[in-house]
Amino acid sequence: MNERLPALKPRQVLAALERAGFIVHHTTGSHYGVRHRTDYRLRVTVPMHNQRSQARNAPLDPPTSRNRDRGFLKLL
């Protein structure tokens, strides 16, 4: 029972859910709300994050005096 599920892209997940009878009900930001066509109790949220948005949320380098000096010099 050590088999892992394959890593899928969000578009692949949406395509598989649509084949299973789900439709995109709404979007909120970068998340798609998906519901089943006949049984509205079945619902899934699929995050549609891309590489750019993940990089934007990455932690910044800790501030150092060298980084602060470089930023200040750019302002001059």
PDB file of N, CA and C in Angstrom:
ATOM      1  N   MET A   1       0.818  -1.183   0.000  1.00  0.00           N
ATOM      2  CA  MET A   1       0.000   0.000   0.000  1.00  0.00           C
ATOM      3  C   MET A   1       0.868   1.255   0.000  1.00  0.00           C
ATOM      4  N   ASN A   2       2.100   1.157  -0.488  1.00  0.00           N
ATOM      5  CA  ASN A   2       2.998   2.294  -0.532  1.00  0.00           C
ATOM      6  C   ASN A   2       2.942   3.034  -1.855  1.00  0.00           C
ATOM      7  N   GLU A   3       1.999   2.706  -2.727  1.00  0.00           N
ATOM      8  CA  GLU A   3       1.922   3.386  -4.008  1.00  0.00           C
ATOM      9  C   GLU A   3       1.422   4.806  -3.811  1.00  0.00           C
ATOM     10  N   ARG A   4       2.072   5.729  -4.497  1.00  0.00           N
ATOM     11  CA  ARG A   4       1.698   7.130  -4.398  1.00  0.00           C
ATOM     12  C   ARG A   4       0.925   7.531  -5.642  1.00  0.00           C
ATOM     13  N   LEU A   5       0.055   8.509  -5.482  1.00  0.00           N
ATOM     14  CA  LEU A   5      -0.660   9.053  -6.623  1.00  0.00           C
ATOM     15  C   LEU A   5       0.289   9.922  -7.433  1.00  0.00           C
ATOM     16  N   PRO A   6       0.102   9.984  -8.746  1.00  0.00           N
ATOM     17  CA  PRO A   6       0.984  10.830  -9.550  1.00  0.00           C
ATOM     18  C   PRO A   6       0.691  12.306  -9.313  1.00  0.00           C
ATOM     19  N   ALA A   7       1.712  13.126  -9.475  1.00  0.00           N
ATOM     20  CA  ALA A   7       1.529  14.575  -9.374  1.00  0.00           C
ATOM     21  C   ALA A   7       0.821  15.052 -10.634  1.00  0.00           C
ATOM     22  N   LEU A   8      -0.254  15.797 -10.464  1.00  0.00           N
ATOM     23  CA  LEU A   8      -1.036  16.280 -11.599  1.00  0.00           C
ATOM     24  C   LEU A   8      -1.074  17.795 -11.602  1.00  0.00           C
ATOM     25  N   LYS A   9      -1.157  18.365 -12.793  1.00  0.00           N
ATOM     26  CA  LYS A   9      -1.332  19.797 -12.923  1.00  0.00           C
ATOM     27  C   LYS A   9      -2.810  20.120 -12.718  1.00  0.00           C
ATOM     28  N   PRO A  10      -3.110  21.342 -12.288  1.00  0.00           N
ATOM     29  CA  PRO A  10      -4.516  21.702 -12.034  1.00  0.00           C
ATOM     30  C   PRO A  10      -5.422  21.484 -13.240  1.00  0.00           C
ATOM     31  N   ARG A  11      -4.931  21.762 -14.435  1.00  0.00           N
ATOM     32  CA  ARG A  11      -5.750  21.556 -15.643  1.00  0.00           C
ATOM     33  C   ARG A  11      -6.086  20.078 -15.830  1.00  0.00           C
ATOM     34  N   GLN A  12      -5.158  19.199 -15.494  1.00  0.00           N
ATOM     35  CA  GLN A  12      -5.414  17.762 -15.587  1.00  0.00           C
ATOM     36  C   GLN A  12      -6.470  17.328 -14.573  1.00  0.00           C
ATOM     37  N   VAL A  13      -6.408  17.904 -13.381  1.00  0.00           N
ATOM     38  CA  VAL A  13      -7.399  17.585 -12.347  1.00  0.00           C
ATOM     39  C   VAL A  13      -8.786  18.044 -12.798  1.00  0.00           C
ATOM     40  N   LEU A  14      -8.870  19.268 -13.341  1.00  0.00           N
ATOM     41  CA  LEU A  14     -10.159  19.768 -13.823  1.00  0.00           C
ATOM     42  C   LEU A  14     -10.711  18.896 -14.949  1.00  0.00           C
ATOM     43  N   ALA A  15      -9.848  18.468 -15.865  1.00  0.00           N
ATOM     44  CA  ALA A  15     -10.293  17.621 -16.973  1.00  0.00           C
ATOM     45  C   ALA A  15     -10.828  16.293 -16.449  1.00  0.00           C
ATOM     46  N   ALA A  16     -10.147  15.710 -15.475  1.00  0.00           N
ATOM     47  CA  ALA A  16     -10.597  14.433 -14.901  1.00  0.00           C
ATOM     48  C   ALA A  16     -11.928  14.612 -14.175  1.00  0.00           C
ATOM     49  N   LEU A  17     -12.074  15.720 -13.441  1.00  0.00           N
ATOM     50  CA  LEU A  17     -13.329  15.968 -12.737  1.00  0.00           C
ATOM     51  C   LEU A  17     -14.479  16.194 -13.716  1.00  0.00           C
ATOM     52  N   GLU A  18     -14.206  16.882 -14.830  1.00  0.00           N
ATOM     53  CA  GLU A  18     -15.256  17.094 -15.834  1.00  0.00           C
ATOM     54  C   GLU A  18     -15.689  15.775 -16.459  1.00  0.00           C
ATOM     55  N   ARG A  19     -14.733  14.866 -16.698  1.00  0.00           N
ATOM     56  CA  ARG A  19     -15.091  13.540 -17.223  1.00  0.00           C
ATOM     57  C   ARG A  19     -15.922  12.751 -16.219  1.00  0.00           C
ATOM     58  N   ALA A  20     -15.742  13.056 -14.920  1.00  0.00           N
ATOM     59  CA  ALA A  20     -16.490  12.358 -13.870  1.00  0.00           C
ATOM     60  C   ALA A  20     -17.833  13.020 -13.589  1.00  0.00           C
ATOM     61  N   GLY A  21     -18.194  14.070 -14.357  1.00  0.00           N
ATOM     62  CA  GLY A  21     -19.501  14.675 -14.193  1.00  0.00           C
ATOM     63  C   GLY A  21     -19.532  15.957 -13.389  1.00  0.00           C
ATOM     64  N   PHE A  22     -18.381  16.573 -13.164  1.00  0.00           N
ATOM     65  CA  PHE A  22     -18.318  17.821 -12.413  1.00  0.00           C
ATOM     66  C   PHE A  22     -18.280  19.007 -13.374  1.00  0.00           C
ATOM     67  N   ILE A  23     -18.736  20.162 -12.892  1.00  0.00           N
ATOM     68  CA  ILE A  23     -18.677  21.399 -13.662  1.00  0.00           C
ATOM     69  C   ILE A  23     -18.069  22.481 -12.774  1.00  0.00           C
ATOM     70  N   VAL A  24     -17.424  23.465 -13.414  1.00  0.00           N
ATOM     71  CA  VAL A  24     -16.888  24.603 -12.660  1.00  0.00           C
ATOM     72  C   VAL A  24     -18.064  25.485 -12.287  1.00  0.00           C
ATOM     73  N   HIS A  25     -18.289  25.613 -10.997  1.00  0.00           N
ATOM     74  CA  HIS A  25     -19.424  26.374 -10.483  1.00  0.00           C
ATOM     75  C   HIS A  25     -19.069  27.843 -10.307  1.00  0.00           C
ATOM     76  N   HIS A  26     -17.879  28.118  -9.766  1.00  0.00           N
ATOM     77  CA  HIS A  26     -17.455  29.493  -9.541  1.00  0.00           C
ATOM     78  C   HIS A  26     -15.939  29.537  -9.358  1.00  0.00           C
ATOM     79  N   THR A  27     -15.389  30.734  -9.424  1.00  0.00           N
ATOM     80  CA  THR A  27     -13.975  30.932  -9.120  1.00  0.00           C
ATOM     81  C   THR A  27     -13.857  32.025  -8.067  1.00  0.00           C
ATOM     82  N   THR A  28     -12.895  31.851  -7.201  1.00  0.00           N
ATOM     83  CA  THR A  28     -12.586  32.859  -6.193  1.00  0.00           C
ATOM     84  C   THR A  28     -11.072  33.030  -6.205  1.00  0.00           C
ATOM     85  N   GLY A  29     -10.622  34.125  -6.752  1.00  0.00           N
ATOM     86  CA  GLY A  29      -9.176  34.319  -6.874  1.00  0.00           C
ATOM     87  C   GLY A  29      -8.594  33.285  -7.809  1.00  0.00           C
ATOM     88  N   SER A  30      -7.651  32.503  -7.317  1.00  0.00           N
ATOM     89  CA  SER A  30      -7.026  31.473  -8.138  1.00  0.00           C
ATOM     90  C   SER A  30      -7.562  30.078  -7.800  1.00  0.00           C
ATOM     91  N   HIS A  31      -8.728  29.993  -7.168  1.00  0.00           N
ATOM     92  CA  HIS A  31      -9.332  28.712  -6.811  1.00  0.00           C
ATOM     93  C   HIS A  31     -10.638  28.501  -7.572  1.00  0.00           C
ATOM     94  N   TYR A  32     -10.788  27.305  -8.121  1.00  0.00           N
ATOM     95  CA  TYR A  32     -12.004  26.958  -8.853  1.00  0.00           C
ATOM     96  C   TYR A  32     -12.900  26.120  -7.952  1.00  0.00           C
ATOM     97  N   GLY A  33     -14.160  26.514  -7.819  1.00  0.00           N
ATOM     98  CA  GLY A  33     -15.151  25.733  -7.094  1.00  0.00           C
ATOM     99  C   GLY A  33     -15.859  24.822  -8.080  1.00  0.00           C
ATOM    100  N   VAL A  34     -15.762  23.522  -7.876  1.00  0.00           N
ATOM    101  CA  VAL A  34     -16.293  22.539  -8.816  1.00  0.00           C
ATOM    102  C   VAL A  34     -17.369  21.722  -8.106  1.00  0.00           C
ATOM    103  N   ARG A  35     -18.519  21.550  -8.766  1.00  0.00           N
ATOM    104  CA  ARG A  35     -19.625  20.757  -8.206  1.00  0.00           C
ATOM    105  C   ARG A  35     -20.072  19.712  -9.203  1.00  0.00           C
ATOM    106  N   HIS A  36     -20.673  18.649  -8.676  1.00  0.00           N
ATOM    107  CA  HIS A  36     -21.202  17.589  -9.538  1.00  0.00           C
ATOM    108  C   HIS A  36     -22.482  18.061 -10.210  1.00  0.00           C
ATOM    109  N   ARG A  37     -22.714  17.596 -11.441  1.00  0.00           N
ATOM    110  CA  ARG A  37     -23.885  18.056 -12.205  1.00  0.00           C
ATOM    111  C   ARG A  37     -25.210  17.673 -11.564  1.00  0.00           C
ATOM    112  N   THR A  38     -25.287  16.476 -10.991  1.00  0.00           N
ATOM    113  CA  THR A  38     -26.577  16.015 -10.461  1.00  0.00           C
ATOM    114  C   THR A  38     -26.645  16.023  -8.940  1.00  0.00           C
ATOM    115  N   ASP A  39     -25.531  15.814  -8.267  1.00  0.00           N
ATOM    116  CA  ASP A  39     -25.525  15.773  -6.803  1.00  0.00           C
ATOM    117  C   ASP A  39     -24.710  16.955  -6.291  1.00  0.00           C
ATOM    118  N   TYR A  40     -25.393  18.049  -5.955  1.00  0.00           N
ATOM    119  CA  TYR A  40     -24.708  19.276  -5.564  1.00  0.00           C
ATOM    120  C   TYR A  40     -24.031  19.190  -4.196  1.00  0.00           C
ATOM    121  N   ARG A  41     -24.213  18.080  -3.506  1.00  0.00           N
ATOM    122  CA  ARG A  41     -23.488  17.906  -2.239  1.00  0.00           C
ATOM    123  C   ARG A  41     -22.021  17.582  -2.491  1.00  0.00           C
ATOM    124  N   LEU A  42     -21.717  17.062  -3.680  1.00  0.00           N
ATOM    125  CA  LEU A  42     -20.333  16.734  -4.030  1.00  0.00           C
ATOM    126  C   LEU A  42     -19.659  17.973  -4.597  1.00  0.00           C
ATOM    127  N   ARG A  43     -18.641  18.451  -3.922  1.00  0.00           N
ATOM    128  CA  ARG A  43     -17.937  19.636  -4.393  1.00  0.00           C
ATOM    129  C   ARG A  43     -16.449  19.532  -4.068  1.00  0.00           C
ATOM    130  N   VAL A  44     -15.651  20.200  -4.888  1.00  0.00           N
ATOM    131  CA  VAL A  44     -14.196  20.165  -4.768  1.00  0.00           C
ATOM    132  C   VAL A  44     -13.669  21.568  -5.048  1.00  0.00           C
ATOM    133  N   THR A  45     -12.605  21.960  -4.372  1.00  0.00           N
ATOM    134  CA  THR A  45     -11.916  23.207  -4.669  1.00  0.00           C
ATOM    135  C   THR A  45     -10.559  22.862  -5.267  1.00  0.00           C
ATOM    136  N   VAL A  46     -10.281  23.409  -6.446  1.00  0.00           N
ATOM    137  CA  VAL A  46      -9.023  23.129  -7.142  1.00  0.00           C
ATOM    138  C   VAL A  46      -8.213  24.416  -7.190  1.00  0.00           C
ATOM    139  N   PRO A  47      -7.043  24.453  -6.529  1.00  0.00           N
ATOM    140  CA  PRO A  47      -6.198  25.651  -6.617  1.00  0.00           C
ATOM    141  C   PRO A  47      -5.504  25.699  -7.972  1.00  0.00           C
ATOM    142  N   MET A  48      -5.509  26.870  -8.605  1.00  0.00           N
ATOM    143  CA  MET A  48      -4.886  27.042  -9.921  1.00  0.00           C
ATOM    144  C   MET A  48      -3.673  27.964  -9.793  1.00  0.00           C
ATOM    145  N   HIS A  49      -2.740  27.624  -8.921  1.00  0.00           N
ATOM    146  CA  HIS A  49      -1.565  28.456  -8.713  1.00  0.00           C
ATOM    147  C   HIS A  49      -0.536  28.147  -9.788  1.00  0.00           C
ATOM    148  N   ASN A  50       0.126  29.173 -10.269  1.00  0.00           N
ATOM    149  CA  ASN A  50       1.178  28.963 -11.249  1.00  0.00           C
ATOM    150  C   ASN A  50       2.527  29.249 -10.606  1.00  0.00           C
ATOM    151  N   GLN A  51       3.580  29.015 -11.353  1.00  0.00           N
ATOM    152  CA  GLN A  51       4.929  29.207 -10.818  1.00  0.00           C
ATOM    153  C   GLN A  51       5.164  30.647 -10.382  1.00  0.00           C
ATOM    154  N   ARG A  52       4.609  31.589 -11.134  1.00  0.00           N
ATOM    155  CA  ARG A  52       4.835  33.000 -10.824  1.00  0.00           C
ATOM    156  C   ARG A  52       4.212  33.387  -9.484  1.00  0.00           C
ATOM    157  N   SER A  53       2.986  32.937  -9.225  1.00  0.00           N
ATOM    158  CA  SER A  53       2.344  33.306  -7.970  1.00  0.00           C
ATOM    159  C   SER A  53       3.018  32.616  -6.789  1.00  0.00           C
ATOM    160  N   GLN A  54       3.556  31.412  -7.002  1.00  0.00           N
ATOM    161  CA  GLN A  54       4.256  30.737  -5.921  1.00  0.00           C
ATOM    162  C   GLN A  54       5.557  31.459  -5.598  1.00  0.00           C
ATOM    163  N   ALA A  55       6.245  31.956  -6.635  1.00  0.00           N
ATOM    164  CA  ALA A  55       7.484  32.690  -6.399  1.00  0.00           C
ATOM    165  C   ALA A  55       7.195  34.006  -5.684  1.00  0.00           C
ATOM    166  N   ARG A  56       6.060  34.624  -5.995  1.00  0.00           N
ATOM    167  CA  ARG A  56       5.700  35.881  -5.351  1.00  0.00           C
ATOM    168  C   ARG A  56       5.464  35.675  -3.858  1.00  0.00           C
ATOM    169  N   ASN A  57       4.990  34.496  -3.471  1.00  0.00           N
ATOM    170  CA  ASN A  57       4.708  34.221  -2.066  1.00  0.00           C
ATOM    171  C   ASN A  57       5.901  33.623  -1.329  1.00  0.00           C
ATOM    172  N   ALA A  58       7.033  33.470  -2.024  1.00  0.00           N
ATOM    173  CA  ALA A  58       8.214  32.897  -1.392  1.00  0.00           C
ATOM    174  C   ALA A  58       8.765  33.877  -0.351  1.00  0.00           C
ATOM    175  N   PRO A  59       9.381  33.336   0.696  1.00  0.00           N
ATOM    176  CA  PRO A  59       9.931  34.240   1.708  1.00  0.00           C
ATOM    177  C   PRO A  59      11.066  35.082   1.131  1.00  0.00           C
ATOM    178  N   LEU A  60      11.151  36.308   1.580  1.00  0.00           N
ATOM    179  CA  LEU A  60      12.198  37.212   1.125  1.00  0.00           C
ATOM    180  C   LEU A  60      13.491  36.942   1.871  1.00  0.00           C
ATOM    181  N   ASP A  61      14.596  37.373   1.276  1.00  0.00           N
ATOM    182  CA  ASP A  61      15.873  37.259   1.972  1.00  0.00           C
ATOM    183  C   ASP A  61      15.824  38.110   3.228  1.00  0.00           C
ATOM    184  N   PRO A  62      16.438  37.640   4.305  1.00  0.00           N
ATOM    185  CA  PRO A  62      16.439  38.464   5.511  1.00  0.00           C
ATOM    186  C   PRO A  62      17.200  39.759   5.241  1.00  0.00           C
ATOM    187  N   PRO A  63      16.715  40.862   5.789  1.00  0.00           N
ATOM    188  CA  PRO A  63      17.392  42.135   5.536  1.00  0.00           C
ATOM    189  C   PRO A  63      18.779  42.146   6.168  1.00  0.00           C
ATOM    190  N   THR A  64      19.726  42.615   5.414  1.00  0.00           N
ATOM    191  CA  THR A  64      21.081  42.791   5.933  1.00  0.00           C
ATOM    192  C   THR A  64      21.469  44.230   5.657  1.00  0.00           C
ATOM    193  N   SER A  65      22.488  44.693   6.327  1.00  0.00           N
ATOM    194  CA  SER A  65      22.910  46.074   6.116  1.00  0.00           C
ATOM    195  C   SER A  65      23.376  46.263   4.676  1.00  0.00           C
ATOM    196  N   ARG A  66      23.952  45.233   4.071  1.00  0.00           N
ATOM    197  CA  ARG A  66      24.422  45.336   2.689  1.00  0.00           C
ATOM    198  C   ARG A  66      23.244  45.532   1.731  1.00  0.00           C
ATOM    199  N   ASN A  67      22.157  44.756   1.914  1.00  0.00           N
ATOM    200  CA  ASN A  67      20.971  44.897   1.067  1.00  0.00           C
ATOM    201  C   ASN A  67      20.333  46.270   1.263  1.00  0.00           C
ATOM    202  N   ARG A  68      20.285  46.754   2.484  1.00  0.00           N
ATOM    203  CA  ARG A  68      19.695  48.067   2.754  1.00  0.00           C
ATOM    204  C   ARG A  68      20.511  49.164   2.094  1.00  0.00           C
ATOM    205  N   ASP A  69      21.830  49.046   2.141  1.00  0.00           N
ATOM    206  CA  ASP A  69      22.690  50.061   1.537  1.00  0.00           C
ATOM    207  C   ASP A  69      22.503  50.095   0.032  1.00  0.00           C
ATOM    208  N   ARG A  70      22.394  48.914  -0.602  1.00  0.00           N
ATOM    209  CA  ARG A  70      22.198  48.862  -2.041  1.00  0.00           C
ATOM    210  C   ARG A  70      20.869  49.518  -2.424  1.00  0.00           C
ATOM    211  N   GLY A  71      19.824  49.251  -1.658  1.00  0.00           N
ATOM    212  CA  GLY A  71      18.535  49.854  -1.936  1.00  0.00           C
ATOM    213  C   GLY A  71      18.546  51.359  -1.776  1.00  0.00           C
ATOM    214  N   PHE A  72      19.240  51.816  -0.764  1.00  0.00           N
ATOM    215  CA  PHE A  72      19.350  53.252  -0.532  1.00  0.00           C
ATOM    216  C   PHE A  72      20.102  53.935  -1.657  1.00  0.00           C
ATOM    217  N   LEU A  73      21.201  53.307  -2.122  1.00  0.00           N
ATOM    218  CA  LEU A  73      22.005  53.896  -3.179  1.00  0.00           C
ATOM    219  C   LEU A  73      21.228  54.002  -4.488  1.00  0.00           C
ATOM    220  N   LYS A  74      20.293  53.089  -4.747  1.00  0.00           N
ATOM    221  CA  LYS A  74      19.469  53.154  -5.947  1.00  0.00           C
ATOM    222  C   LYS A  74      18.558  54.374  -5.925  1.00  0.00           C
ATOM    223  N   LEU A  75      18.196  54.824  -4.729  1.00  0.00           N
ATOM    224  CA  LEU A  75      17.318  55.985  -4.607  1.00  0.00           C
ATOM    225  C   LEU A  75      18.034  57.288  -4.914  1.00  0.00           C
ATOM    226  N   LEU A  76      19.359  57.292  -4.791  1.00  0.00           N
ATOM    227  CA  LEU A  76      20.136  58.533  -5.007  1.00  0.00           C
ATOM    228  C   LEU A  76      20.289  58.889  -6.450  1.00  0.00           C
TER     229      LEU A  76
END
